[in-house]
Amino acid sequence: MNIKVLGPGCINCKTLEARTQEALNKMNIEASIEKVIDYSEMLSLGLVRTPGLVIDNKIVVQGFVPTVEQLQQIIKQQSL
């Protein structure tokens, strides 16, 4: 599973990264989380609003920070 957190490094981006890691830990899934702060790369991935979360090259979250429980559901759906 390839996971990227997209954003300039603001508090929402950091919170999204921490919650994503917590969700992965609760699900016993090992995955590395790559931080993307380069705007041109974010645009090339199709991001319109930060923060964003990309799983296996698909944007699954943008413009808000989901709860850990919501992230678990998102991760579960992407791993099917």
N, C-alpha and C. Protein backbone atom coordinates (compact mmCIF):
# COMPACT_ATOMS: atom_id res chain seq x y z
N MET A 1 0.85 -1.18 0.00
CA MET A 1 0.00 0.00 0.00
C MET A 1 0.89 1.23 0.00
N ASN A 2 0.66 2.09 -0.97
CA ASN A 2 1.43 3.31 -1.13
C ASN A 2 0.58 4.49 -0.65
N ILE A 3 1.01 5.17 0.42
CA ILE A 3 0.22 6.25 1.02
C ILE A 3 1.01 7.54 0.97
N LYS A 4 0.32 8.61 0.55
CA LYS A 4 0.94 9.94 0.50
C LYS A 4 0.03 10.94 1.19
N VAL A 5 0.63 11.80 2.02
CA VAL A 5 -0.09 12.92 2.61
C VAL A 5 0.36 14.16 1.85
N LEU A 6 -0.61 14.87 1.27
CA LEU A 6 -0.31 16.02 0.44
C LEU A 6 -0.66 17.30 1.19
N GLY A 7 0.29 18.22 1.23
CA GLY A 7 0.04 19.51 1.86
C GLY A 7 1.34 20.21 2.20
N PRO A 8 1.23 21.51 2.50
CA PRO A 8 2.43 22.33 2.72
C PRO A 8 3.10 22.13 4.08
N GLY A 9 2.53 21.30 4.94
CA GLY A 9 3.13 21.08 6.25
C GLY A 9 2.38 21.80 7.36
N CYS A 10 1.14 22.20 7.08
CA CYS A 10 0.31 22.90 8.07
C CYS A 10 -0.15 21.93 9.15
N ILE A 11 -0.82 22.45 10.17
CA ILE A 11 -1.29 21.61 11.26
C ILE A 11 -2.27 20.55 10.78
N ASN A 12 -3.12 20.89 9.81
CA ASN A 12 -4.06 19.89 9.28
C ASN A 12 -3.32 18.75 8.58
N CYS A 13 -2.25 19.08 7.88
CA CYS A 13 -1.47 18.05 7.19
C CYS A 13 -0.81 17.12 8.22
N LYS A 14 -0.27 17.70 9.26
CA LYS A 14 0.38 16.91 10.31
C LYS A 14 -0.64 16.05 11.04
N THR A 15 -1.83 16.60 11.27
CA THR A 15 -2.89 15.84 11.93
C THR A 15 -3.34 14.68 11.05
N LEU A 16 -3.48 14.92 9.76
CA LEU A 16 -3.87 13.86 8.83
C LEU A 16 -2.83 12.75 8.82
N GLU A 17 -1.57 13.11 8.81
CA GLU A 17 -0.51 12.11 8.83
C GLU A 17 -0.56 11.28 10.11
N ALA A 18 -0.71 11.96 11.26
CA ALA A 18 -0.75 11.25 12.54
C ALA A 18 -1.97 10.34 12.63
N ARG A 19 -3.11 10.81 12.20
CA ARG A 19 -4.33 9.99 12.26
C ARG A 19 -4.25 8.81 11.30
N THR A 20 -3.64 9.02 10.14
CA THR A 20 -3.48 7.92 9.19
C THR A 20 -2.57 6.85 9.79
N GLN A 21 -1.48 7.27 10.42
CA GLN A 21 -0.58 6.30 11.06
C GLN A 21 -1.31 5.56 12.18
N GLU A 22 -2.11 6.28 12.96
CA GLU A 22 -2.88 5.64 14.04
C GLU A 22 -3.87 4.63 13.48
N ALA A 23 -4.54 4.98 12.40
CA ALA A 23 -5.48 4.05 11.77
C ALA A 23 -4.77 2.80 11.29
N LEU A 24 -3.63 2.98 10.65
CA LEU A 24 -2.85 1.82 10.19
C LEU A 24 -2.41 0.95 11.35
N ASN A 25 -1.97 1.57 12.44
CA ASN A 25 -1.54 0.81 13.62
C ASN A 25 -2.70 0.01 14.20
N LYS A 26 -3.87 0.62 14.30
CA LYS A 26 -5.04 -0.07 14.84
C LYS A 26 -5.46 -1.25 13.97
N MET A 27 -5.18 -1.14 12.67
CA MET A 27 -5.55 -2.20 11.73
C MET A 27 -4.42 -3.21 11.53
N ASN A 28 -3.31 -3.00 12.23
CA ASN A 28 -2.12 -3.86 12.09
C ASN A 28 -1.63 -3.93 10.65
N ILE A 29 -1.63 -2.78 9.99
CA ILE A 29 -1.13 -2.68 8.62
C ILE A 29 0.15 -1.87 8.64
N GLU A 30 1.19 -2.44 8.06
CA GLU A 30 2.45 -1.71 7.96
C GLU A 30 2.53 -1.05 6.60
N ALA A 31 2.69 0.25 6.63
CA ALA A 31 2.83 1.00 5.38
C ALA A 31 3.61 2.26 5.68
N SER A 32 4.41 2.68 4.73
CA SER A 32 5.12 3.94 4.92
C SER A 32 4.25 5.06 4.38
N ILE A 33 4.37 6.20 5.02
CA ILE A 33 3.60 7.38 4.60
C ILE A 33 4.58 8.40 4.07
N GLU A 34 4.39 8.76 2.81
CA GLU A 34 5.26 9.75 2.17
C GLU A 34 4.59 11.12 2.27
N LYS A 35 5.36 12.13 2.65
CA LYS A 35 4.85 13.49 2.70
C LYS A 35 5.19 14.19 1.39
N VAL A 36 4.21 14.82 0.78
CA VAL A 36 4.42 15.55 -0.46
C VAL A 36 4.09 17.02 -0.19
N ILE A 37 5.11 17.88 -0.28
CA ILE A 37 4.91 19.30 -0.02
C ILE A 37 5.10 20.15 -1.28
N ASP A 38 5.49 19.52 -2.37
CA ASP A 38 5.72 20.22 -3.63
C ASP A 38 4.38 20.44 -4.35
N TYR A 39 4.03 21.72 -4.54
CA TYR A 39 2.72 22.04 -5.14
C TYR A 39 2.55 21.47 -6.54
N SER A 40 3.59 21.46 -7.34
CA SER A 40 3.45 20.93 -8.70
C SER A 40 3.16 19.43 -8.67
N GLU A 41 3.77 18.73 -7.72
CA GLU A 41 3.49 17.30 -7.59
C GLU A 41 2.06 17.07 -7.09
N MET A 42 1.61 17.92 -6.16
CA MET A 42 0.23 17.81 -5.67
C MET A 42 -0.76 18.01 -6.81
N LEU A 43 -0.50 19.03 -7.63
CA LEU A 43 -1.38 19.30 -8.77
C LEU A 43 -1.36 18.15 -9.77
N SER A 44 -0.19 17.56 -9.99
CA SER A 44 -0.10 16.45 -10.94
C SER A 44 -0.87 15.23 -10.46
N LEU A 45 -1.05 15.13 -9.14
CA LEU A 45 -1.83 14.02 -8.57
C LEU A 45 -3.33 14.33 -8.59
N GLY A 46 -3.68 15.56 -8.93
CA GLY A 46 -5.09 15.94 -9.04
C GLY A 46 -5.66 16.61 -7.80
N LEU A 47 -4.81 17.01 -6.87
CA LEU A 47 -5.30 17.63 -5.64
C LEU A 47 -5.79 19.05 -5.91
N VAL A 48 -6.96 19.37 -5.36
CA VAL A 48 -7.54 20.69 -5.49
C VAL A 48 -7.42 21.46 -4.18
N ARG A 49 -7.67 20.77 -3.04
CA ARG A 49 -7.61 21.40 -1.72
C ARG A 49 -6.79 20.55 -0.77
N THR A 50 -5.99 21.22 0.05
CA THR A 50 -5.20 20.50 1.05
C THR A 50 -5.96 20.48 2.37
N PRO A 51 -5.66 19.53 3.23
CA PRO A 51 -4.72 18.44 3.03
C PRO A 51 -5.34 17.35 2.15
N GLY A 52 -4.50 16.50 1.63
CA GLY A 52 -4.96 15.41 0.80
C GLY A 52 -4.31 14.10 1.19
N LEU A 53 -5.02 13.02 0.93
CA LEU A 53 -4.50 11.70 1.20
C LEU A 53 -4.66 10.86 -0.06
N VAL A 54 -3.56 10.26 -0.48
CA VAL A 54 -3.54 9.42 -1.67
C VAL A 54 -3.17 8.01 -1.26
N ILE A 55 -3.97 7.05 -1.67
CA ILE A 55 -3.66 5.65 -1.43
C ILE A 55 -3.58 4.96 -2.78
N ASP A 56 -2.44 4.37 -3.04
CA ASP A 56 -2.19 3.67 -4.32
C ASP A 56 -2.59 4.54 -5.51
N ASN A 57 -2.09 5.78 -5.50
CA ASN A 57 -2.26 6.75 -6.58
C ASN A 57 -3.69 7.21 -6.82
N LYS A 58 -4.57 7.05 -5.81
CA LYS A 58 -5.95 7.53 -5.91
C LYS A 58 -6.20 8.49 -4.75
N ILE A 59 -6.68 9.70 -5.06
CA ILE A 59 -7.02 10.64 -4.00
C ILE A 59 -8.27 10.14 -3.28
N VAL A 60 -8.14 9.94 -1.96
CA VAL A 60 -9.26 9.43 -1.17
C VAL A 60 -9.78 10.48 -0.19
N VAL A 61 -8.98 11.51 0.08
CA VAL A 61 -9.38 12.60 0.98
C VAL A 61 -8.77 13.88 0.46
N GLN A 62 -9.56 14.96 0.46
CA GLN A 62 -8.98 16.27 0.19
C GLN A 62 -9.84 17.35 0.82
N GLY A 63 -9.16 18.31 1.43
CA GLY A 63 -9.84 19.47 1.97
C GLY A 63 -10.35 19.34 3.39
N PHE A 64 -10.13 18.19 4.04
CA PHE A 64 -10.55 18.02 5.43
C PHE A 64 -9.72 16.92 6.09
N VAL A 65 -9.84 16.81 7.41
CA VAL A 65 -9.11 15.79 8.15
C VAL A 65 -10.13 14.82 8.76
N PRO A 66 -10.22 13.61 8.24
CA PRO A 66 -11.16 12.63 8.78
C PRO A 66 -10.72 12.13 10.16
N THR A 67 -11.66 11.54 10.88
CA THR A 67 -11.34 10.91 12.16
C THR A 67 -10.55 9.63 11.89
N VAL A 68 -9.97 9.08 12.92
CA VAL A 68 -9.23 7.82 12.80
C VAL A 68 -10.17 6.72 12.30
N GLU A 69 -11.39 6.70 12.82
CA GLU A 69 -12.36 5.69 12.42
C GLU A 69 -12.72 5.83 10.94
N GLN A 70 -12.90 7.06 10.48
CA GLN A 70 -13.19 7.28 9.06
C GLN A 70 -12.02 6.83 8.20
N LEU A 71 -10.81 7.10 8.66
CA LEU A 71 -9.62 6.68 7.91
C LEU A 71 -9.52 5.16 7.85
N GLN A 72 -9.89 4.49 8.92
CA GLN A 72 -9.88 3.03 8.90
C GLN A 72 -10.83 2.51 7.82
N GLN A 73 -12.00 3.11 7.70
CA GLN A 73 -12.97 2.69 6.68
C GLN A 73 -12.41 2.97 5.27
N ILE A 74 -11.80 4.12 5.10
CA ILE A 74 -11.22 4.49 3.81
C ILE A 74 -10.11 3.51 3.42
N ILE A 75 -9.24 3.20 4.37
CA ILE A 75 -8.14 2.25 4.11
C ILE A 75 -8.70 0.88 3.79
N LYS A 76 -9.70 0.45 4.53
CA LYS A 76 -10.32 -0.87 4.30
C LYS A 76 -10.90 -0.93 2.89
N GLN A 77 -11.60 0.12 2.47
CA GLN A 77 -12.20 0.14 1.13
C GLN A 77 -11.13 0.10 0.05
N GLN A 78 -10.01 0.76 0.27
CA GLN A 78 -8.95 0.81 -0.74
C GLN A 78 -8.17 -0.49 -0.82
N SER A 79 -8.21 -1.29 0.23
CA SER A 79 -7.43 -2.52 0.22
C SER A 79 -8.24 -3.71 -0.31
N LEU A 80 -9.49 -3.48 -0.69
CA LEU A 80 -10.32 -4.57 -1.23
C LEU A 80 -9.96 -4.88 -2.66
